[in-house]
N, C-alpha and C. Protein backbone atom coordinates (compact mmCIF):
# COMPACT_ATOMS: atom_id res chain seq x y z
N MET A 1 11.34 -41.59 -26.90
CA MET A 1 12.55 -42.19 -26.42
C MET A 1 13.08 -41.36 -25.26
N ILE A 2 13.54 -42.03 -24.22
CA ILE A 2 14.18 -41.39 -23.08
C ILE A 2 15.67 -41.59 -23.22
N VAL A 3 16.43 -40.51 -23.14
CA VAL A 3 17.88 -40.55 -23.23
C VAL A 3 18.47 -40.09 -21.91
N ILE A 4 19.37 -40.91 -21.36
CA ILE A 4 20.13 -40.53 -20.17
C ILE A 4 21.52 -40.16 -20.65
N GLY A 5 21.92 -38.92 -20.41
CA GLY A 5 23.26 -38.48 -20.77
C GLY A 5 24.20 -38.65 -19.60
N THR A 6 25.32 -39.35 -19.83
CA THR A 6 26.30 -39.59 -18.79
C THR A 6 27.69 -39.54 -19.40
N SER A 7 28.70 -39.70 -18.57
CA SER A 7 30.09 -39.73 -19.01
C SER A 7 30.78 -40.91 -18.35
N PRO A 8 31.84 -41.40 -18.95
CA PRO A 8 32.60 -42.49 -18.33
C PRO A 8 33.00 -42.11 -16.90
N GLY A 9 32.87 -43.07 -15.99
CA GLY A 9 33.18 -42.84 -14.59
C GLY A 9 31.99 -42.41 -13.75
N ARG A 10 30.83 -42.25 -14.37
CA ARG A 10 29.64 -41.81 -13.65
C ARG A 10 28.56 -42.91 -13.63
N GLU A 11 29.01 -44.15 -13.60
CA GLU A 11 28.08 -45.27 -13.66
C GLU A 11 27.08 -45.28 -12.50
N GLU A 12 27.52 -44.88 -11.28
CA GLU A 12 26.59 -44.85 -10.15
C GLU A 12 25.43 -43.89 -10.42
N TRP A 13 25.75 -42.73 -10.99
CA TRP A 13 24.71 -41.76 -11.30
C TRP A 13 23.76 -42.31 -12.36
N ALA A 14 24.32 -42.85 -13.43
CA ALA A 14 23.49 -43.38 -14.52
C ALA A 14 22.60 -44.52 -14.02
N ASN A 15 23.14 -45.36 -13.13
CA ASN A 15 22.34 -46.46 -12.58
C ASN A 15 21.17 -45.93 -11.75
N ASP A 16 21.40 -44.90 -10.95
CA ASP A 16 20.31 -44.31 -10.15
C ASP A 16 19.21 -43.78 -11.05
N CYS A 17 19.61 -43.06 -12.11
CA CYS A 17 18.62 -42.52 -13.04
C CYS A 17 17.85 -43.64 -13.72
N ALA A 18 18.58 -44.62 -14.24
CA ALA A 18 17.94 -45.74 -14.96
C ALA A 18 16.98 -46.50 -14.07
N LYS A 19 17.34 -46.73 -12.82
CA LYS A 19 16.46 -47.46 -11.89
C LYS A 19 15.15 -46.73 -11.63
N SER A 20 15.15 -45.41 -11.83
CA SER A 20 13.93 -44.64 -11.55
C SER A 20 12.95 -44.65 -12.73
N LEU A 21 13.36 -45.24 -13.84
CA LEU A 21 12.51 -45.28 -15.04
C LEU A 21 11.77 -46.61 -15.11
N ASP A 22 10.55 -46.56 -15.56
CA ASP A 22 9.75 -47.78 -15.68
C ASP A 22 9.44 -48.11 -17.14
N ARG A 23 10.28 -47.62 -18.03
CA ARG A 23 10.10 -47.86 -19.46
C ARG A 23 11.45 -47.84 -20.15
N PRO A 24 11.50 -48.18 -21.42
CA PRO A 24 12.79 -48.25 -22.12
C PRO A 24 13.51 -46.90 -22.17
N TYR A 25 14.82 -46.97 -22.20
CA TYR A 25 15.66 -45.78 -22.26
C TYR A 25 16.94 -46.13 -23.00
N LEU A 26 17.66 -45.09 -23.38
CA LEU A 26 18.95 -45.22 -24.03
C LEU A 26 19.94 -44.42 -23.22
N ILE A 27 21.07 -45.03 -22.86
CA ILE A 27 22.13 -44.31 -22.16
C ILE A 27 23.19 -43.92 -23.18
N VAL A 28 23.51 -42.64 -23.24
CA VAL A 28 24.59 -42.14 -24.09
C VAL A 28 25.72 -41.72 -23.15
N SER A 29 26.82 -42.47 -23.20
CA SER A 29 27.97 -42.20 -22.35
C SER A 29 29.12 -41.73 -23.23
N SER A 30 29.43 -40.45 -23.11
CA SER A 30 30.52 -39.87 -23.89
C SER A 30 30.93 -38.58 -23.20
N TYR A 31 31.95 -37.96 -23.74
CA TYR A 31 32.36 -36.65 -23.24
C TYR A 31 31.63 -35.57 -24.03
N GLY A 32 31.88 -34.32 -23.72
CA GLY A 32 31.23 -33.24 -24.45
C GLY A 32 30.04 -32.65 -23.72
N TYR A 33 29.91 -33.00 -22.45
CA TYR A 33 28.84 -32.46 -21.62
C TYR A 33 27.48 -32.75 -22.26
N GLU A 34 26.46 -32.02 -21.84
CA GLU A 34 25.09 -32.33 -22.29
C GLU A 34 24.93 -32.21 -23.80
N LEU A 35 25.49 -31.15 -24.37
CA LEU A 35 25.32 -30.97 -25.81
C LEU A 35 26.05 -32.03 -26.62
N GLY A 36 27.09 -32.62 -26.06
CA GLY A 36 27.75 -33.74 -26.73
C GLY A 36 26.82 -34.93 -26.87
N LYS A 37 26.02 -35.16 -25.86
CA LYS A 37 25.06 -36.28 -25.91
C LYS A 37 23.90 -35.96 -26.85
N ILE A 38 23.39 -34.73 -26.78
CA ILE A 38 22.30 -34.33 -27.68
C ILE A 38 22.77 -34.39 -29.13
N LYS A 39 23.98 -33.92 -29.38
CA LYS A 39 24.55 -33.98 -30.73
C LYS A 39 24.72 -35.44 -31.18
N TRP A 40 25.14 -36.31 -30.28
CA TRP A 40 25.30 -37.72 -30.63
C TRP A 40 23.96 -38.32 -31.06
N ILE A 41 22.91 -38.04 -30.32
CA ILE A 41 21.57 -38.53 -30.69
C ILE A 41 21.19 -37.99 -32.07
N TYR A 42 21.41 -36.70 -32.28
CA TYR A 42 21.06 -36.07 -33.55
C TYR A 42 21.85 -36.68 -34.71
N ASP A 43 23.15 -36.88 -34.53
CA ASP A 43 24.01 -37.37 -35.60
C ASP A 43 23.91 -38.88 -35.85
N ASN A 44 23.54 -39.65 -34.84
CA ASN A 44 23.64 -41.11 -34.94
C ASN A 44 22.33 -41.86 -34.87
N THR A 45 21.21 -41.15 -34.78
CA THR A 45 19.91 -41.81 -34.76
C THR A 45 18.96 -41.04 -35.69
N ASN A 46 17.79 -41.60 -35.86
CA ASN A 46 16.75 -40.87 -36.59
C ASN A 46 15.56 -40.57 -35.66
N ILE A 47 15.82 -40.54 -34.37
CA ILE A 47 14.79 -40.26 -33.38
C ILE A 47 14.24 -38.85 -33.62
N ASP A 48 12.92 -38.74 -33.78
CA ASP A 48 12.27 -37.45 -34.05
C ASP A 48 12.07 -36.60 -32.80
N ARG A 49 11.90 -37.25 -31.66
CA ARG A 49 11.56 -36.54 -30.43
C ARG A 49 12.07 -37.36 -29.27
N PHE A 50 12.77 -36.73 -28.32
CA PHE A 50 13.31 -37.50 -27.20
C PHE A 50 13.35 -36.67 -25.93
N VAL A 51 13.23 -37.38 -24.81
CA VAL A 51 13.40 -36.80 -23.49
C VAL A 51 14.89 -36.85 -23.19
N PHE A 52 15.46 -35.73 -22.75
CA PHE A 52 16.86 -35.73 -22.32
C PHE A 52 16.92 -35.54 -20.81
N LEU A 53 17.57 -36.50 -20.15
CA LEU A 53 17.80 -36.45 -18.71
C LEU A 53 19.29 -36.52 -18.43
N GLN A 54 19.78 -35.67 -17.57
CA GLN A 54 21.14 -35.85 -17.07
C GLN A 54 21.14 -37.06 -16.16
N ASP A 55 22.29 -37.71 -16.02
CA ASP A 55 22.37 -38.88 -15.15
C ASP A 55 22.11 -38.54 -13.68
N SER A 56 22.20 -37.28 -13.31
CA SER A 56 22.00 -36.86 -11.92
C SER A 56 20.53 -36.50 -11.64
N VAL A 57 19.63 -37.07 -12.43
CA VAL A 57 18.20 -36.91 -12.24
C VAL A 57 17.61 -38.25 -11.81
N VAL A 58 16.72 -38.19 -10.84
CA VAL A 58 15.93 -39.37 -10.45
C VAL A 58 14.47 -39.00 -10.66
N ILE A 59 13.77 -39.83 -11.40
CA ILE A 59 12.34 -39.61 -11.64
C ILE A 59 11.56 -40.15 -10.44
N THR A 60 10.73 -39.31 -9.85
CA THR A 60 9.93 -39.72 -8.70
C THR A 60 8.49 -40.05 -9.08
N ASP A 61 8.05 -39.58 -10.25
CA ASP A 61 6.71 -39.89 -10.75
C ASP A 61 6.80 -40.21 -12.24
N PRO A 62 6.93 -41.50 -12.57
CA PRO A 62 7.10 -41.87 -13.97
C PRO A 62 5.89 -41.61 -14.86
N THR A 63 4.76 -41.22 -14.29
CA THR A 63 3.62 -40.88 -15.15
C THR A 63 3.91 -39.63 -15.98
N ILE A 64 5.00 -38.93 -15.66
CA ILE A 64 5.39 -37.78 -16.47
C ILE A 64 5.57 -38.20 -17.93
N PHE A 65 6.02 -39.43 -18.15
CA PHE A 65 6.25 -39.90 -19.51
C PHE A 65 4.94 -40.17 -20.25
N ASP A 66 3.88 -40.49 -19.50
CA ASP A 66 2.55 -40.58 -20.11
C ASP A 66 2.09 -39.20 -20.58
N ARG A 67 2.36 -38.19 -19.76
CA ARG A 67 2.02 -36.80 -20.15
C ARG A 67 2.81 -36.38 -21.38
N VAL A 68 4.09 -36.78 -21.45
CA VAL A 68 4.91 -36.46 -22.62
C VAL A 68 4.30 -37.06 -23.87
N LYS A 69 3.89 -38.31 -23.77
CA LYS A 69 3.29 -39.01 -24.92
C LYS A 69 2.02 -38.31 -25.40
N GLU A 70 1.26 -37.74 -24.47
CA GLU A 70 -0.01 -37.08 -24.79
C GLU A 70 0.17 -35.63 -25.23
N THR A 71 1.40 -35.09 -25.12
CA THR A 71 1.64 -33.68 -25.39
C THR A 71 2.60 -33.55 -26.57
N SER A 72 2.24 -32.79 -27.55
CA SER A 72 3.11 -32.61 -28.71
C SER A 72 4.16 -31.54 -28.42
N GLY A 73 5.20 -31.54 -29.23
CA GLY A 73 6.20 -30.48 -29.20
C GLY A 73 7.26 -30.62 -28.14
N SER A 74 7.99 -29.53 -27.96
CA SER A 74 9.07 -29.46 -26.98
C SER A 74 8.49 -29.19 -25.59
N ILE A 75 9.13 -29.77 -24.59
CA ILE A 75 8.62 -29.66 -23.22
C ILE A 75 9.76 -29.37 -22.26
N CYS A 76 9.55 -28.43 -21.37
CA CYS A 76 10.49 -28.09 -20.31
C CYS A 76 10.22 -28.97 -19.09
N PHE A 77 11.28 -29.61 -18.58
CA PHE A 77 11.17 -30.41 -17.35
C PHE A 77 11.70 -29.67 -16.12
N HIS A 78 12.48 -28.61 -16.35
CA HIS A 78 13.13 -27.91 -15.23
C HIS A 78 13.20 -26.44 -15.58
N HIS A 79 12.41 -25.64 -14.87
CA HIS A 79 12.39 -24.20 -15.10
C HIS A 79 12.97 -23.52 -13.87
N GLU A 80 14.20 -23.09 -14.02
CA GLU A 80 14.85 -22.35 -12.94
C GLU A 80 14.94 -20.90 -13.39
N ALA A 81 15.99 -20.54 -14.07
CA ALA A 81 16.12 -19.18 -14.61
C ALA A 81 15.46 -19.07 -15.98
N ARG A 82 15.29 -20.21 -16.62
CA ARG A 82 14.71 -20.25 -17.97
C ARG A 82 14.13 -21.65 -18.17
N HIS A 83 13.35 -21.81 -19.24
CA HIS A 83 12.88 -23.14 -19.61
C HIS A 83 14.09 -24.04 -19.91
N MET A 84 13.93 -25.30 -19.65
CA MET A 84 14.91 -26.35 -19.96
C MET A 84 16.24 -26.13 -19.26
N SER A 85 16.18 -25.60 -18.04
CA SER A 85 17.39 -25.50 -17.24
C SER A 85 18.02 -26.87 -17.11
N CYS A 86 19.33 -26.89 -17.02
CA CYS A 86 20.11 -28.13 -16.95
C CYS A 86 19.88 -29.01 -18.18
N TYR A 87 19.39 -28.41 -19.26
CA TYR A 87 19.12 -29.09 -20.53
C TYR A 87 18.01 -30.13 -20.41
N LEU A 88 17.22 -30.11 -19.34
CA LEU A 88 16.22 -31.15 -19.09
C LEU A 88 14.92 -30.85 -19.83
N GLY A 89 14.51 -31.81 -20.67
CA GLY A 89 13.26 -31.63 -21.38
C GLY A 89 13.13 -32.53 -22.58
N VAL A 90 12.15 -32.23 -23.39
CA VAL A 90 11.86 -32.98 -24.61
C VAL A 90 12.33 -32.15 -25.80
N TYR A 91 13.18 -32.77 -26.62
CA TYR A 91 13.75 -32.11 -27.81
C TYR A 91 13.15 -32.72 -29.07
N GLU A 92 13.04 -31.87 -30.11
CA GLU A 92 12.50 -32.32 -31.39
C GLU A 92 13.57 -32.17 -32.48
N ARG A 93 13.69 -33.20 -33.31
CA ARG A 93 14.65 -33.17 -34.41
C ARG A 93 14.37 -32.00 -35.36
N LYS A 94 13.09 -31.72 -35.64
CA LYS A 94 12.78 -30.64 -36.58
C LYS A 94 13.26 -29.29 -36.06
N ILE A 95 13.38 -29.13 -34.75
CA ILE A 95 13.94 -27.90 -34.19
C ILE A 95 15.45 -27.97 -34.22
N LEU A 96 16.02 -29.12 -33.87
CA LEU A 96 17.48 -29.28 -33.93
C LEU A 96 17.99 -29.08 -35.35
N ASP A 97 17.18 -29.43 -36.36
CA ASP A 97 17.54 -29.20 -37.76
C ASP A 97 17.79 -27.72 -38.05
N LYS A 98 17.14 -26.84 -37.29
CA LYS A 98 17.19 -25.40 -37.56
C LYS A 98 18.38 -24.70 -36.90
N ILE A 99 18.99 -25.33 -35.91
CA ILE A 99 20.05 -24.67 -35.15
C ILE A 99 21.30 -25.55 -35.12
N LYS A 100 22.42 -24.93 -34.90
CA LYS A 100 23.68 -25.66 -34.81
C LYS A 100 23.85 -26.18 -33.38
N ILE A 101 24.36 -27.41 -33.26
CA ILE A 101 24.69 -27.96 -31.95
C ILE A 101 26.22 -27.86 -31.82
N PRO A 102 26.70 -26.98 -30.96
CA PRO A 102 28.15 -26.78 -30.87
C PRO A 102 28.86 -27.96 -30.19
N VAL A 103 30.14 -28.08 -30.47
CA VAL A 103 31.00 -29.04 -29.78
C VAL A 103 31.51 -28.35 -28.52
N ILE A 104 31.26 -28.96 -27.39
CA ILE A 104 31.60 -28.37 -26.09
C ILE A 104 32.84 -29.06 -25.55
N MET A 105 33.83 -28.26 -25.16
CA MET A 105 35.09 -28.82 -24.68
C MET A 105 35.34 -28.58 -23.19
N THR A 106 34.67 -27.60 -22.60
CA THR A 106 34.92 -27.27 -21.19
C THR A 106 33.61 -27.10 -20.44
N LYS A 107 33.69 -27.22 -19.14
CA LYS A 107 32.53 -26.98 -18.29
C LYS A 107 32.04 -25.54 -18.45
N GLN A 108 32.98 -24.61 -18.61
CA GLN A 108 32.62 -23.21 -18.83
C GLN A 108 31.71 -23.08 -20.05
N GLU A 109 32.08 -23.73 -21.17
CA GLU A 109 31.26 -23.68 -22.38
C GLU A 109 29.90 -24.34 -22.15
N ALA A 110 29.88 -25.42 -21.39
CA ALA A 110 28.60 -26.10 -21.10
C ALA A 110 27.67 -25.18 -20.33
N VAL A 111 28.21 -24.48 -19.34
CA VAL A 111 27.40 -23.57 -18.53
C VAL A 111 26.91 -22.40 -19.39
N GLU A 112 27.80 -21.82 -20.20
CA GLU A 112 27.41 -20.70 -21.05
C GLU A 112 26.32 -21.11 -22.05
N ASN A 113 26.45 -22.30 -22.62
CA ASN A 113 25.48 -22.75 -23.61
C ASN A 113 24.17 -23.18 -22.99
N GLU A 114 24.16 -23.42 -21.69
CA GLU A 114 22.89 -23.70 -21.04
C GLU A 114 21.97 -22.49 -21.19
N SER A 115 22.54 -21.31 -21.31
CA SER A 115 21.76 -20.12 -21.62
C SER A 115 21.72 -19.86 -23.12
N GLN A 116 22.88 -19.74 -23.73
CA GLN A 116 22.95 -19.34 -25.14
C GLN A 116 22.28 -20.35 -26.07
N TRP A 117 22.69 -21.60 -25.99
CA TRP A 117 22.15 -22.59 -26.93
C TRP A 117 20.68 -22.87 -26.63
N ILE A 118 20.35 -23.00 -25.35
CA ILE A 118 18.94 -23.24 -25.00
C ILE A 118 18.08 -22.08 -25.51
N ASN A 119 18.55 -20.85 -25.39
CA ASN A 119 17.79 -19.72 -25.94
C ASN A 119 17.61 -19.86 -27.44
N ASN A 120 18.66 -20.29 -28.15
CA ASN A 120 18.54 -20.53 -29.60
C ASN A 120 17.48 -21.59 -29.88
N TYR A 121 17.52 -22.66 -29.09
CA TYR A 121 16.53 -23.73 -29.27
C TYR A 121 15.12 -23.18 -29.03
N LEU A 122 14.95 -22.48 -27.92
CA LEU A 122 13.62 -21.96 -27.57
C LEU A 122 13.12 -20.94 -28.59
N ASN A 123 14.02 -20.15 -29.16
CA ASN A 123 13.62 -19.19 -30.19
C ASN A 123 13.16 -19.88 -31.47
N ALA A 124 13.63 -21.09 -31.71
CA ALA A 124 13.23 -21.84 -32.91
C ALA A 124 11.94 -22.64 -32.70
N VAL A 125 11.48 -22.72 -31.47
CA VAL A 125 10.27 -23.48 -31.12
C VAL A 125 9.06 -22.55 -31.23
N ASP A 126 7.99 -23.06 -31.83
CA ASP A 126 6.76 -22.27 -31.90
C ASP A 126 6.12 -22.10 -30.53
N ASP A 127 6.11 -23.18 -29.77
CA ASP A 127 5.45 -23.18 -28.47
C ASP A 127 6.17 -24.17 -27.57
N ILE A 128 6.48 -23.77 -26.36
CA ILE A 128 7.12 -24.66 -25.39
C ILE A 128 6.13 -24.89 -24.25
N LYS A 129 5.97 -26.14 -23.89
CA LYS A 129 5.15 -26.47 -22.73
C LYS A 129 6.08 -26.64 -21.55
N CYS A 130 5.64 -26.26 -20.37
CA CYS A 130 6.46 -26.41 -19.17
C CYS A 130 5.74 -27.30 -18.17
N PHE A 131 6.35 -28.43 -17.86
CA PHE A 131 5.78 -29.35 -16.88
C PHE A 131 6.28 -29.05 -15.46
N ASP A 132 7.22 -28.13 -15.31
CA ASP A 132 7.78 -27.80 -14.00
C ASP A 132 7.07 -26.57 -13.46
N THR A 133 6.02 -26.80 -12.70
CA THR A 133 5.23 -25.69 -12.16
C THR A 133 5.41 -25.50 -10.66
N ASP A 134 6.15 -26.40 -10.03
CA ASP A 134 6.27 -26.33 -8.57
C ASP A 134 7.67 -26.62 -8.07
N GLY A 135 8.67 -26.36 -8.90
CA GLY A 135 10.04 -26.69 -8.53
C GLY A 135 10.60 -25.78 -7.46
N TYR A 136 11.51 -26.36 -6.65
CA TYR A 136 12.16 -25.58 -5.60
C TYR A 136 13.50 -26.22 -5.24
N PHE A 137 14.39 -25.39 -4.72
CA PHE A 137 15.67 -25.87 -4.22
C PHE A 137 15.51 -26.23 -2.76
N GLY A 138 16.12 -27.32 -2.38
CA GLY A 138 16.03 -27.79 -1.00
C GLY A 138 17.39 -27.85 -0.35
N ASN A 139 17.63 -28.95 0.29
CA ASN A 139 18.84 -29.15 1.06
C ASN A 139 20.05 -29.45 0.19
N ILE A 140 21.18 -29.53 0.85
CA ILE A 140 22.40 -30.02 0.23
C ILE A 140 22.59 -31.45 0.73
N GLU A 141 22.84 -32.37 -0.19
CA GLU A 141 22.98 -33.78 0.16
C GLU A 141 24.27 -34.33 -0.42
N PHE A 142 25.02 -35.06 0.40
CA PHE A 142 26.22 -35.72 -0.09
C PHE A 142 25.81 -37.02 -0.77
N ARG A 143 26.22 -37.17 -2.03
CA ARG A 143 25.84 -38.36 -2.81
C ARG A 143 26.92 -38.61 -3.85
N HIS A 144 27.35 -39.83 -3.95
CA HIS A 144 28.36 -40.25 -4.92
C HIS A 144 29.61 -39.36 -4.90
N GLY A 145 30.08 -39.10 -3.69
CA GLY A 145 31.36 -38.43 -3.53
C GLY A 145 31.37 -36.93 -3.64
N ARG A 146 30.21 -36.29 -3.62
CA ARG A 146 30.17 -34.84 -3.73
C ARG A 146 28.94 -34.28 -3.01
N GLU A 147 28.99 -32.99 -2.71
CA GLU A 147 27.82 -32.30 -2.18
C GLU A 147 26.96 -31.87 -3.35
N ASN A 148 25.65 -32.03 -3.20
CA ASN A 148 24.69 -31.71 -4.25
C ASN A 148 23.60 -30.81 -3.70
N LEU A 149 23.29 -29.76 -4.44
CA LEU A 149 22.13 -28.94 -4.15
C LEU A 149 20.94 -29.66 -4.78
N ILE A 150 19.91 -29.88 -3.99
CA ILE A 150 18.75 -30.65 -4.45
C ILE A 150 17.70 -29.71 -5.05
N TYR A 151 17.30 -30.01 -6.29
CA TYR A 151 16.18 -29.33 -6.94
C TYR A 151 15.10 -30.39 -7.11
N THR A 152 13.89 -30.06 -6.69
CA THR A 152 12.79 -31.02 -6.74
C THR A 152 11.57 -30.37 -7.37
N ASN A 153 10.85 -31.15 -8.16
CA ASN A 153 9.51 -30.77 -8.56
C ASN A 153 8.63 -32.01 -8.42
N HIS A 154 7.41 -31.96 -8.91
CA HIS A 154 6.48 -33.05 -8.64
C HIS A 154 6.81 -34.35 -9.36
N PHE A 155 7.83 -34.37 -10.23
CA PHE A 155 8.14 -35.63 -10.91
C PHE A 155 9.62 -35.97 -10.97
N LEU A 156 10.50 -35.11 -10.43
CA LEU A 156 11.92 -35.46 -10.45
C LEU A 156 12.68 -34.81 -9.31
N ILE A 157 13.86 -35.39 -9.07
CA ILE A 157 14.87 -34.79 -8.20
C ILE A 157 16.11 -34.61 -9.06
N LYS A 158 16.69 -33.41 -9.03
CA LYS A 158 17.93 -33.12 -9.74
C LYS A 158 19.00 -32.84 -8.71
N TYR A 159 20.07 -33.64 -8.75
CA TYR A 159 21.21 -33.47 -7.86
C TYR A 159 22.22 -32.58 -8.56
N ARG A 160 22.33 -31.33 -8.12
CA ARG A 160 23.20 -30.36 -8.79
C ARG A 160 24.54 -30.30 -8.08
N GLY A 161 25.59 -30.62 -8.84
CA GLY A 161 26.94 -30.62 -8.28
C GLY A 161 27.64 -29.29 -8.42
N ASP A 162 27.15 -28.43 -9.29
CA ASP A 162 27.74 -27.10 -9.46
C ASP A 162 26.60 -26.10 -9.43
N TRP A 163 26.59 -25.28 -8.42
CA TRP A 163 25.54 -24.28 -8.31
C TRP A 163 26.12 -22.91 -7.98
N GLY A 164 27.34 -22.67 -8.53
CA GLY A 164 27.94 -21.36 -8.37
C GLY A 164 28.64 -21.15 -7.06
N GLN A 165 29.03 -22.24 -6.39
CA GLN A 165 29.70 -22.07 -5.10
C GLN A 165 31.11 -21.53 -5.26
N LYS A 166 31.66 -21.55 -6.47
CA LYS A 166 32.93 -20.90 -6.75
C LYS A 166 32.92 -20.46 -8.20
N PRO A 167 33.69 -19.44 -8.55
CA PRO A 167 33.70 -18.99 -9.94
C PRO A 167 34.22 -20.07 -10.86
N ILE A 168 33.64 -20.16 -12.04
CA ILE A 168 34.09 -21.11 -13.05
C ILE A 168 35.08 -20.40 -13.95
N THR A 169 36.24 -20.99 -14.10
CA THR A 169 37.19 -20.50 -15.09
C THR A 169 37.46 -21.64 -16.03
N GLY A 170 38.05 -21.35 -17.15
CA GLY A 170 38.35 -22.40 -18.13
C GLY A 170 39.34 -23.42 -17.61
N GLU A 171 40.04 -23.12 -16.52
CA GLU A 171 41.07 -24.01 -16.01
C GLU A 171 40.60 -24.81 -14.80
N ASP A 172 39.54 -24.43 -14.15
CA ASP A 172 39.09 -25.12 -12.95
C ASP A 172 38.28 -26.35 -13.31
N PRO A 173 38.72 -27.54 -12.90
CA PRO A 173 37.87 -28.72 -13.12
C PRO A 173 36.70 -28.68 -12.16
N ILE A 174 35.52 -28.95 -12.66
CA ILE A 174 34.32 -28.97 -11.83
C ILE A 174 33.64 -30.31 -12.04
N ILE A 175 33.35 -30.98 -10.96
CA ILE A 175 32.69 -32.28 -11.03
C ILE A 175 31.23 -32.06 -11.36
N LEU A 176 30.76 -32.80 -12.35
CA LEU A 176 29.33 -32.71 -12.69
C LEU A 176 28.56 -33.40 -11.63
């Protein structure tokens, strides 16, 4: 199953992501940042294994999903500082069963858990496969009302709206 995580008011982003897919998907639109969507899937479905995509991802080579089908276990789609950067990848229920999925209330917590929680997930995995072997940061592109740092690999484009251009505090609103 492919899951697109989005939030109310981000329909343009979710539509771009959905249009890039050539197979069935589920859109989860709620608050709580990425972990809110992952937790929703865990709590409200019995899906054993799913691809998680942020709405700001466009798939450029949909054969990646054929590779996912042929590959068991958890899979990293975006390796920047660590596996599963931006929460992008394939998650397994049996691993989620082993760790707590926190409730995220702020962008600061979402950013912190991109390291902390992902590390917990990766520590619970026996083996992680990484499909991102050629990723790189490119230009800055204005899209859907904001400047985005472009991250590209051989099967996706990730439009990053926050890449550390200003310090994150618990009070600063940051557009995803």
